[in-house]
PDB file of all heavy atoms in Angstrom:
ATOM      1  N   GLY A   1       0.784  -1.226   0.000  1.00  0.00           N
ATOM      2  CA  GLY A   1       0.000   0.000   0.000  1.00  0.00           C
ATOM      3  C   GLY A   1       0.815   1.275   0.000  1.00  0.00           C
ATOM      4  O   GLY A   1       0.283   2.365   0.211  1.00  0.00           O
ATOM      5  N   TRP A   2       2.112   1.164  -0.262  1.00  0.00           N
ATOM      6  CA  TRP A   2       2.969   2.355  -0.266  1.00  0.00           C
ATOM      7  C   TRP A   2       2.807   3.149  -1.560  1.00  0.00           C
ATOM      8  O   TRP A   2       3.018   4.359  -1.568  1.00  0.00           O
ATOM      9  CB  TRP A   2       4.430   1.950  -0.085  1.00  0.00           C
ATOM     10  CG  TRP A   2       4.716   1.307   1.240  1.00  0.00           C
ATOM     11  CD1 TRP A   2       3.812   1.047   2.241  1.00  0.00           C
ATOM     12  CD2 TRP A   2       5.972   0.821   1.711  1.00  0.00           C
ATOM     13  NE1 TRP A   2       4.430   0.419   3.296  1.00  0.00           N
ATOM     14  CE2 TRP A   2       5.759   0.269   3.000  1.00  0.00           C
ATOM     15  CE3 TRP A   2       7.249   0.783   1.171  1.00  0.00           C
ATOM     16  CZ2 TRP A   2       6.777  -0.289   3.756  1.00  0.00           C
ATOM     17  CZ3 TRP A   2       8.278   0.223   1.917  1.00  0.00           C
ATOM     18  CH2 TRP A   2       8.046  -0.308   3.198  1.00  0.00           C
ATOM     19  N   VAL A   3       2.471   2.465  -2.633  1.00  0.00           N
ATOM     20  CA  VAL A   3       2.191   3.101  -3.924  1.00  0.00           C
ATOM     21  C   VAL A   3       0.957   2.422  -4.503  1.00  0.00           C
ATOM     22  O   VAL A   3       0.645   1.279  -4.150  1.00  0.00           O
ATOM     23  CB  VAL A   3       3.383   2.966  -4.908  1.00  0.00           C
ATOM     24  CG1 VAL A   3       4.573   3.788  -4.463  1.00  0.00           C
ATOM     25  CG2 VAL A   3       3.762   1.500  -5.091  1.00  0.00           C
ATOM     26  N   PRO A   4       0.223   3.105  -5.409  1.00  0.00           N
ATOM     27  CA  PRO A   4      -0.957   2.483  -6.024  1.00  0.00           C
ATOM     28  C   PRO A   4      -0.575   1.285  -6.882  1.00  0.00           C
ATOM     29  O   PRO A   4       0.472   1.270  -7.511  1.00  0.00           O
ATOM     30  CB  PRO A   4      -1.548   3.609  -6.885  1.00  0.00           C
ATOM     31  CG  PRO A   4      -0.993   4.876  -6.302  1.00  0.00           C
ATOM     32  CD  PRO A   4       0.373   4.526  -5.809  1.00  0.00           C
ATOM     33  N   LYS A   5      -1.454   0.291  -6.919  1.00  0.00           N
ATOM     34  CA  LYS A   5      -1.217  -0.868  -7.762  1.00  0.00           C
ATOM     35  C   LYS A   5      -1.446  -0.503  -9.222  1.00  0.00           C
ATOM     36  O   LYS A   5      -2.420   0.167  -9.558  1.00  0.00           O
ATOM     37  CB  LYS A   5      -2.147  -2.014  -7.369  1.00  0.00           C
ATOM     38  CG  LYS A   5      -1.858  -2.604  -6.002  1.00  0.00           C
ATOM     39  CD  LYS A   5      -2.806  -3.757  -5.691  1.00  0.00           C
ATOM     40  CE  LYS A   5      -2.494  -4.351  -4.314  1.00  0.00           C
ATOM     41  NZ  LYS A   5      -3.420  -5.465  -3.985  1.00  0.00           N
ATOM     42  N   THR A   6      -0.546  -0.914 -10.088  1.00  0.00           N
ATOM     43  CA  THR A   6      -0.685  -0.692 -11.525  1.00  0.00           C
ATOM     44  C   THR A   6       0.316  -1.567 -12.262  1.00  0.00           C
ATOM     45  O   THR A   6       1.366  -1.916 -11.724  1.00  0.00           O
ATOM     46  CB  THR A   6      -0.455   0.788 -11.910  1.00  0.00           C
ATOM     47  OG1 THR A   6      -0.628   0.936 -13.316  1.00  0.00           O
ATOM     48  CG2 THR A   6       0.957   1.240 -11.536  1.00  0.00           C
ATOM     49  N   SER A   7      -0.025  -1.919 -13.483  1.00  0.00           N
ATOM     50  CA  SER A   7       0.902  -2.670 -14.331  1.00  0.00           C
ATOM     51  C   SER A   7       1.442  -1.785 -15.444  1.00  0.00           C
ATOM     52  O   SER A   7       2.282  -2.219 -16.233  1.00  0.00           O
ATOM     53  CB  SER A   7       0.200  -3.893 -14.932  1.00  0.00           C
ATOM     54  OG  SER A   7      -0.931  -3.493 -15.695  1.00  0.00           O
ATOM     55  N   ASN A   8       0.965  -0.534 -15.496  1.00  0.00           N
ATOM     56  CA  ASN A   8       1.397   0.398 -16.530  1.00  0.00           C
ATOM     57  C   ASN A   8       2.746   1.006 -16.168  1.00  0.00           C
ATOM     58  O   ASN A   8       2.916   1.554 -15.068  1.00  0.00           O
ATOM     59  CB  ASN A   8       0.343   1.495 -16.698  1.00  0.00           C
ATOM     60  CG  ASN A   8       0.711   2.484 -17.782  1.00  0.00           C
ATOM     61  OD1 ASN A   8       1.463   3.422 -17.540  1.00  0.00           O
ATOM     62  ND2 ASN A   8       0.185   2.280 -18.969  1.00  0.00           N
ATOM     63  N   ALA A   9       3.707   0.935 -17.086  1.00  0.00           N
ATOM     64  CA  ALA A   9       5.073   1.381 -16.799  1.00  0.00           C
ATOM     65  C   ALA A   9       5.132   2.873 -16.473  1.00  0.00           C
ATOM     66  O   ALA A   9       5.835   3.289 -15.539  1.00  0.00           O
ATOM     67  CB  ALA A   9       5.985   1.067 -17.983  1.00  0.00           C
ATOM     68  N   GLU A  10       4.398   3.688 -17.233  1.00  0.00           N
ATOM     69  CA  GLU A  10       4.424   5.137 -16.993  1.00  0.00           C
ATOM     70  C   GLU A  10       3.766   5.484 -15.663  1.00  0.00           C
ATOM     71  O   GLU A  10       4.235   6.372 -14.940  1.00  0.00           O
ATOM     72  CB  GLU A  10       3.737   5.868 -18.142  1.00  0.00           C
ATOM     73  CG  GLU A  10       4.513   5.823 -19.447  1.00  0.00           C
ATOM     74  CD  GLU A  10       3.884   6.676 -20.529  1.00  0.00           C
ATOM     75  OE1 GLU A  10       2.801   7.259 -20.272  1.00  0.00           O
ATOM     76  OE2 GLU A  10       4.471   6.770 -21.624  1.00  0.00           O
ATOM     77  N   GLU A  11       2.687   4.799 -15.329  1.00  0.00           N
ATOM     78  CA  GLU A  11       2.029   5.052 -14.051  1.00  0.00           C
ATOM     79  C   GLU A  11       2.936   4.664 -12.884  1.00  0.00           C
ATOM     80  O   GLU A  11       2.958   5.350 -11.854  1.00  0.00           O
ATOM     81  CB  GLU A  11       0.710   4.284 -13.975  1.00  0.00           C
ATOM     82  CG  GLU A  11      -0.377   4.838 -14.880  1.00  0.00           C
ATOM     83  CD  GLU A  11      -1.674   4.059 -14.768  1.00  0.00           C
ATOM     84  OE1 GLU A  11      -1.744   3.125 -13.946  1.00  0.00           O
ATOM     85  OE2 GLU A  11      -2.621   4.385 -15.509  1.00  0.00           O
ATOM     86  N   LYS A  12       3.681   3.594 -13.046  1.00  0.00           N
ATOM     87  CA  LYS A  12       4.644   3.214 -12.012  1.00  0.00           C
ATOM     88  C   LYS A  12       5.662   4.324 -11.803  1.00  0.00           C
ATOM     89  O   LYS A  12       5.989   4.682 -10.658  1.00  0.00           O
ATOM     90  CB  LYS A  12       5.371   1.914 -12.397  1.00  0.00           C
ATOM     91  CG  LYS A  12       4.519   0.672 -12.302  1.00  0.00           C
ATOM     92  CD  LYS A  12       5.341  -0.556 -12.695  1.00  0.00           C
ATOM     93  CE  LYS A  12       4.506  -1.818 -12.613  1.00  0.00           C
ATOM     94  NZ  LYS A  12       5.290  -3.030 -12.996  1.00  0.00           N
ATOM     95  N   ALA A  13       6.175   4.861 -12.902  1.00  0.00           N
ATOM     96  CA  ALA A  13       7.169   5.929 -12.814  1.00  0.00           C
ATOM     97  C   ALA A  13       6.589   7.157 -12.122  1.00  0.00           C
ATOM     98  O   ALA A  13       7.219   7.755 -11.244  1.00  0.00           O
ATOM     99  CB  ALA A  13       7.676   6.295 -14.204  1.00  0.00           C
ATOM    100  N   LEU A  14       5.362   7.540 -12.493  1.00  0.00           N
ATOM    101  CA  LEU A  14       4.714   8.703 -11.879  1.00  0.00           C
ATOM    102  C   LEU A  14       4.455   8.472 -10.395  1.00  0.00           C
ATOM    103  O   LEU A  14       4.664   9.371  -9.567  1.00  0.00           O
ATOM    104  CB  LEU A  14       3.393   9.001 -12.600  1.00  0.00           C
ATOM    105  CG  LEU A  14       3.515   9.568 -14.020  1.00  0.00           C
ATOM    106  CD1 LEU A  14       2.149   9.596 -14.689  1.00  0.00           C
ATOM    107  CD2 LEU A  14       4.117  10.970 -13.985  1.00  0.00           C
ATOM    108  N   ASN A  15       4.030   7.268 -10.038  1.00  0.00           N
ATOM    109  CA  ASN A  15       3.764   6.961  -8.637  1.00  0.00           C
ATOM    110  C   ASN A  15       5.036   6.960  -7.805  1.00  0.00           C
ATOM    111  O   ASN A  15       5.042   7.408  -6.649  1.00  0.00           O
ATOM    112  CB  ASN A  15       3.066   5.603  -8.522  1.00  0.00           C
ATOM    113  CG  ASN A  15       1.661   5.614  -9.090  1.00  0.00           C
ATOM    114  OD1 ASN A  15       1.023   6.668  -9.166  1.00  0.00           O
ATOM    115  ND2 ASN A  15       1.169   4.467  -9.510  1.00  0.00           N
ATOM    116  N   LEU A  16       6.130   6.486  -8.402  1.00  0.00           N
ATOM    117  CA  LEU A  16       7.405   6.502  -7.695  1.00  0.00           C
ATOM    118  C   LEU A  16       7.932   7.926  -7.544  1.00  0.00           C
ATOM    119  O   LEU A  16       8.557   8.261  -6.538  1.00  0.00           O
ATOM    120  CB  LEU A  16       8.434   5.626  -8.422  1.00  0.00           C
ATOM    121  CG  LEU A  16       8.247   4.116  -8.252  1.00  0.00           C
ATOM    122  CD1 LEU A  16       9.188   3.350  -9.164  1.00  0.00           C
ATOM    123  CD2 LEU A  16       8.449   3.701  -6.797  1.00  0.00           C
ATOM    124  N   ARG A  17       7.694   8.771  -8.532  1.00  0.00           N
ATOM    125  CA  ARG A  17       8.059  10.185  -8.394  1.00  0.00           C
ATOM    126  C   ARG A  17       7.361  10.789  -7.176  1.00  0.00           C
ATOM    127  O   ARG A  17       7.977  11.500  -6.374  1.00  0.00           O
ATOM    128  CB  ARG A  17       7.649  10.965  -9.633  1.00  0.00           C
ATOM    129  CG  ARG A  17       8.518  10.797 -10.870  1.00  0.00           C
ATOM    130  CD  ARG A  17       7.966  11.658 -11.992  1.00  0.00           C
ATOM    131  NE  ARG A  17       8.684  11.505 -13.255  1.00  0.00           N
ATOM    132  CZ  ARG A  17       8.363  12.159 -14.365  1.00  0.00           C
ATOM    133  NH1 ARG A  17       7.330  12.996 -14.365  1.00  0.00           N
ATOM    134  NH2 ARG A  17       9.053  11.983 -15.470  1.00  0.00           N
ATOM    135  N   ARG A  18       6.066  10.523  -7.058  1.00  0.00           N
ATOM    136  CA  ARG A  18       5.306  11.078  -5.932  1.00  0.00           C
ATOM    137  C   ARG A  18       5.790  10.481  -4.613  1.00  0.00           C
ATOM    138  O   ARG A  18       5.890  11.187  -3.607  1.00  0.00           O
ATOM    139  CB  ARG A  18       3.819  10.804  -6.125  1.00  0.00           C
ATOM    140  CG  ARG A  18       3.226  11.485  -7.365  1.00  0.00           C
ATOM    141  CD  ARG A  18       1.723  11.298  -7.448  1.00  0.00           C
ATOM    142  NE  ARG A  18       1.219  11.780  -8.726  1.00  0.00           N
ATOM    143  CZ  ARG A  18       0.865  10.995  -9.732  1.00  0.00           C
ATOM    144  NH1 ARG A  18       0.974   9.675  -9.621  1.00  0.00           N
ATOM    145  NH2 ARG A  18       0.403  11.522 -10.860  1.00  0.00           N
ATOM    146  N   PHE A  19       6.069   9.186  -4.612  1.00  0.00           N
ATOM    147  CA  PHE A  19       6.524   8.524  -3.389  1.00  0.00           C
ATOM    148  C   PHE A  19       7.853   9.105  -2.917  1.00  0.00           C
ATOM    149  O   PHE A  19       8.034   9.403  -1.730  1.00  0.00           O
ATOM    150  CB  PHE A  19       6.664   7.019  -3.643  1.00  0.00           C
ATOM    151  CG  PHE A  19       7.220   6.249  -2.474  1.00  0.00           C
ATOM    152  CD1 PHE A  19       6.433   5.958  -1.377  1.00  0.00           C
ATOM    153  CD2 PHE A  19       8.542   5.823  -2.478  1.00  0.00           C
ATOM    154  CE1 PHE A  19       6.943   5.254  -0.293  1.00  0.00           C
ATOM    155  CE2 PHE A  19       9.064   5.118  -1.407  1.00  0.00           C
ATOM    156  CZ  PHE A  19       8.260   4.834  -0.309  1.00  0.00           C
ATOM    157  N   PHE A  20       8.780   9.293  -3.866  1.00  0.00           N
ATOM    158  CA  PHE A  20      10.098   9.818  -3.516  1.00  0.00           C
ATOM    159  C   PHE A  20      10.137  11.349  -3.477  1.00  0.00           C
ATOM    160  O   PHE A  20      11.158  11.928  -3.106  1.00  0.00           O
ATOM    161  CB  PHE A  20      11.153   9.322  -4.510  1.00  0.00           C
ATOM    162  CG  PHE A  20      11.583   7.904  -4.283  1.00  0.00           C
ATOM    163  CD1 PHE A  20      11.199   6.900  -5.160  1.00  0.00           C
ATOM    164  CD2 PHE A  20      12.365   7.567  -3.193  1.00  0.00           C
ATOM    165  CE1 PHE A  20      11.596   5.591  -4.956  1.00  0.00           C
ATOM    166  CE2 PHE A  20      12.769   6.259  -2.975  1.00  0.00           C
ATOM    167  CZ  PHE A  20      12.384   5.269  -3.864  1.00  0.00           C
ATOM    168  N   GLU A  21       9.048  11.979  -3.896  1.00  0.00           N
ATOM    169  CA  GLU A  21       8.935  13.443  -3.861  1.00  0.00           C
ATOM    170  C   GLU A  21       9.999  14.109  -4.737  1.00  0.00           C
ATOM    171  O   GLU A  21      10.703  15.016  -4.328  1.00  0.00           O
ATOM    172  CB  GLU A  21       9.011  13.945  -2.409  1.00  0.00           C
ATOM    173  CG  GLU A  21       7.934  13.345  -1.526  1.00  0.00           C
ATOM    174  CD  GLU A  21       8.180  13.537  -0.044  1.00  0.00           C
ATOM    175  OE1 GLU A  21       9.331  13.321   0.401  1.00  0.00           O
ATOM    176  OE2 GLU A  21       7.236  13.891   0.677  1.00  0.00           O
ATOM    177  N   VAL A  22      10.089  13.605  -5.965  1.00  0.00           N
ATOM    178  CA  VAL A  22      11.030  14.150  -6.943  1.00  0.00           C
ATOM    179  C   VAL A  22      10.302  14.377  -8.262  1.00  0.00           C
ATOM    180  O   VAL A  22       9.279  13.748  -8.543  1.00  0.00           O
ATOM    181  CB  VAL A  22      12.240  13.210  -7.172  1.00  0.00           C
ATOM    182  CG1 VAL A  22      13.075  13.088  -5.911  1.00  0.00           C
ATOM    183  CG2 VAL A  22      11.776  11.830  -7.651  1.00  0.00           C
ATOM    184  N   SER A  23      10.842  15.273  -9.098  1.00  0.00           N
ATOM    185  CA  SER A  23      10.227  15.554 -10.389  1.00  0.00           C
ATOM    186  C   SER A  23      10.626  14.528 -11.438  1.00  0.00           C
ATOM    187  O   SER A  23       9.941  14.360 -12.443  1.00  0.00           O
ATOM    188  CB  SER A  23      10.617  16.956 -10.869  1.00  0.00           C
ATOM    189  OG  SER A  23      12.025  17.069 -10.992  1.00  0.00           O
ATOM    190  N   LYS A  24      11.750  13.842 -11.213  1.00  0.00           N
ATOM    191  CA  LYS A  24      12.172  12.758 -12.093  1.00  0.00           C
ATOM    192  C   LYS A  24      13.045  11.802 -11.295  1.00  0.00           C
ATOM    193  O   LYS A  24      13.742  12.208 -10.355  1.00  0.00           O
ATOM    194  CB  LYS A  24      12.913  13.289 -13.319  1.00  0.00           C
ATOM    195  CG  LYS A  24      14.056  14.236 -13.027  1.00  0.00           C
ATOM    196  CD  LYS A  24      14.654  14.767 -14.328  1.00  0.00           C
ATOM    197  CE  LYS A  24      15.844  15.685 -14.043  1.00  0.00           C
ATOM    198  NZ  LYS A  24      16.483  16.141 -15.294  1.00  0.00           N
ATOM    199  N   LEU A  25      13.006  10.542 -11.654  1.00  0.00           N
ATOM    200  CA  LEU A  25      13.627   9.512 -10.824  1.00  0.00           C
ATOM    201  C   LEU A  25      15.145   9.530 -10.853  1.00  0.00           C
ATOM    202  O   LEU A  25      15.782   9.092  -9.892  1.00  0.00           O
ATOM    203  CB  LEU A  25      13.124   8.122 -11.240  1.00  0.00           C
ATOM    204  CG  LEU A  25      11.642   7.848 -10.965  1.00  0.00           C
ATOM    205  CD1 LEU A  25      11.278   6.433 -11.391  1.00  0.00           C
ATOM    206  CD2 LEU A  25      11.307   8.055  -9.484  1.00  0.00           C
ATOM    207  N   ASP A  26      15.759  10.029 -11.931  1.00  0.00           N
ATOM    208  CA  ASP A  26      17.226  10.027 -11.947  1.00  0.00           C
ATOM    209  C   ASP A  26      17.805  11.032 -10.955  1.00  0.00           C
ATOM    210  O   ASP A  26      19.004  11.002 -10.663  1.00  0.00           O
ATOM    211  CB  ASP A  26      17.787  10.240 -13.358  1.00  0.00           C
ATOM    212  CG  ASP A  26      17.269  11.498 -14.033  1.00  0.00           C
ATOM    213  OD1 ASP A  26      16.613  12.310 -13.358  1.00  0.00           O
ATOM    214  OD2 ASP A  26      17.522  11.652 -15.244  1.00  0.00           O
ATOM    215  N   ILE A  27      16.956  11.901 -10.415  1.00  0.00           N
ATOM    216  CA  ILE A  27      17.405  12.822  -9.364  1.00  0.00           C
ATOM    217  C   ILE A  27      17.800  12.051  -8.115  1.00  0.00           C
ATOM    218  O   ILE A  27      18.634  12.497  -7.322  1.00  0.00           O
ATOM    219  CB  ILE A  27      16.297  13.841  -9.027  1.00  0.00           C
ATOM    220  CG1 ILE A  27      16.132  14.841 -10.182  1.00  0.00           C
ATOM    221  CG2 ILE A  27      16.588  14.599  -7.732  1.00  0.00           C
ATOM    222  CD1 ILE A  27      14.997  15.829  -9.982  1.00  0.00           C
ATOM    223  N   LEU A  28      17.230  10.866  -7.922  1.00  0.00           N
ATOM    224  CA  LEU A  28      17.506  10.076  -6.723  1.00  0.00           C
ATOM    225  C   LEU A  28      18.991   9.786  -6.564  1.00  0.00           C
ATOM    226  O   LEU A  28      19.479   9.609  -5.445  1.00  0.00           O
ATOM    227  CB  LEU A  28      16.727   8.757  -6.764  1.00  0.00           C
ATOM    228  CG  LEU A  28      15.207   8.874  -6.648  1.00  0.00           C
ATOM    229  CD1 LEU A  28      14.555   7.526  -6.854  1.00  0.00           C
ATOM    230  CD2 LEU A  28      14.833   9.444  -5.288  1.00  0.00           C
ATOM    231  N   GLU A  29      19.707   9.726  -7.667  1.00  0.00           N
ATOM    232  CA  GLU A  29      21.154   9.479  -7.600  1.00  0.00           C
ATOM    233  C   GLU A  29      21.850  10.572  -6.803  1.00  0.00           C
ATOM    234  O   GLU A  29      22.843  10.322  -6.115  1.00  0.00           O
ATOM    235  CB  GLU A  29      21.728   9.402  -9.019  1.00  0.00           C
ATOM    236  CG  GLU A  29      23.194   9.019  -9.082  1.00  0.00           C
ATOM    237  CD  GLU A  29      23.460   7.605  -8.616  1.00  0.00           C
ATOM    238  OE1 GLU A  29      22.534   6.772  -8.683  1.00  0.00           O
ATOM    239  OE2 GLU A  29      24.587   7.323  -8.185  1.00  0.00           O
ATOM    240  N   ASP A  30      21.317  11.801  -6.870  1.00  0.00           N
ATOM    241  CA  ASP A  30      21.905  12.924  -6.144  1.00  0.00           C
ATOM    242  C   ASP A  30      21.294  13.108  -4.770  1.00  0.00           C
ATOM    243  O   ASP A  30      21.713  13.974  -4.001  1.00  0.00           O
ATOM    244  CB  ASP A  30      21.715  14.225  -6.941  1.00  0.00           C
ATOM    245  CG  ASP A  30      22.404  14.168  -8.301  1.00  0.00           C
ATOM    246  OD1 ASP A  30      23.504  13.591  -8.368  1.00  0.00           O
ATOM    247  OD2 ASP A  30      21.824  14.686  -9.277  1.00  0.00           O
ATOM    248  N   LEU A  31      20.278  12.307  -4.456  1.00  0.00           N
ATOM    249  CA  LEU A  31      19.584  12.448  -3.173  1.00  0.00           C
ATOM    250  C   LEU A  31      19.797  11.242  -2.275  1.00  0.00           C
ATOM    251  O   LEU A  31      19.034  11.012  -1.355  1.00  0.00           O
ATOM    252  CB  LEU A  31      18.079  12.649  -3.401  1.00  0.00           C
ATOM    253  CG  LEU A  31      17.659  13.972  -4.040  1.00  0.00           C
ATOM    254  CD1 LEU A  31      16.150  13.992  -4.242  1.00  0.00           C
ATOM    255  CD2 LEU A  31      18.078  15.161  -3.184  1.00  0.00           C
ATOM    256  N   LYS A  32      20.838  10.456  -2.555  1.00  0.00           N
ATOM    257  CA  LYS A  32      21.114   9.311  -1.697  1.00  0.00           C
ATOM    258  C   LYS A  32      21.300   9.774  -0.261  1.00  0.00           C
ATOM    259  O   LYS A  32      21.971  10.758   0.003  1.00  0.00           O
ATOM    260  CB  LYS A  32      22.373   8.578  -2.171  1.00  0.00           C
ATOM    261  CG  LYS A  32      22.165   7.766  -3.444  1.00  0.00           C
ATOM    262  CD  LYS A  32      23.427   7.027  -3.822  1.00  0.00           C
ATOM    263  CE  LYS A  32      23.221   6.180  -5.061  1.00  0.00           C
ATOM    264  NZ  LYS A  32      24.459   5.478  -5.473  1.00  0.00           N
ATOM    265  N   THR A  33      20.683   9.040   0.657  1.00  0.00           N
ATOM    266  CA  THR A  33      20.784   9.407   2.057  1.00  0.00           C
ATOM    267  C   THR A  33      22.212   9.220   2.530  1.00  0.00           C
ATOM    268  O   THR A  33      22.717   8.094   2.565  1.00  0.00           O
ATOM    269  CB  THR A  33      19.838   8.550   2.916  1.00  0.00           C
ATOM    270  OG1 THR A  33      18.508   8.683   2.419  1.00  0.00           O
ATOM    271  CG2 THR A  33      19.895   8.992   4.373  1.00  0.00           C
ATOM    272  N   PRO A  34      22.918  10.299   2.895  1.00  0.00           N
ATOM    273  CA  PRO A  34      24.314  10.154   3.324  1.00  0.00           C
ATOM    274  C   PRO A  34      24.410   9.468   4.674  1.00  0.00           C
ATOM    275  O   PRO A  34      23.567   9.666   5.549  1.00  0.00           O
ATOM    276  CB  PRO A  34      24.810  11.604   3.411  1.00  0.00           C
ATOM    277  CG  PRO A  34      23.572  12.402   3.661  1.00  0.00           C
ATOM    278  CD  PRO A  34      22.469  11.691   2.925  1.00  0.00           C
ATOM    279  N   GLY A  35      25.426   8.637   4.826  1.00  0.00           N
ATOM    280  CA  GLY A  35      25.685   8.028   6.117  1.00  0.00           C
ATOM    281  C   GLY A  35      24.708   6.962   6.524  1.00  0.00           C
ATOM    282  O   GLY A  35      24.683   6.559   7.685  1.00  0.00           O
ATOM    283  N   ILE A  36      23.876   6.467   5.606  1.00  0.00           N
ATOM    284  CA  ILE A  36      22.880   5.486   5.995  1.00  0.00           C
ATOM    285  C   ILE A  36      23.578   4.212   6.476  1.00  0.00           C
ATOM    286  O   ILE A  36      24.505   3.711   5.849  1.00  0.00           O
ATOM    287  CB  ILE A  36      21.905   5.184   4.844  1.00  0.00           C
ATOM    288  CG1 ILE A  36      20.722   4.366   5.359  1.00  0.00           C
ATOM    289  CG2 ILE A  36      22.587   4.477   3.690  1.00  0.00           C
ATOM    290  CD1 ILE A  36      19.558   4.320   4.404  1.00  0.00           C
TER     291      ILE A  36
END
């Protein structure tokens, strides 16, 4: 229940953007949690 269920690739990408609170997923590379 952390993200909506879907089999659509684009919807998965959009849902992950919202989950991670980013405008695009490749930004996550620069947002790695330091010291984890």
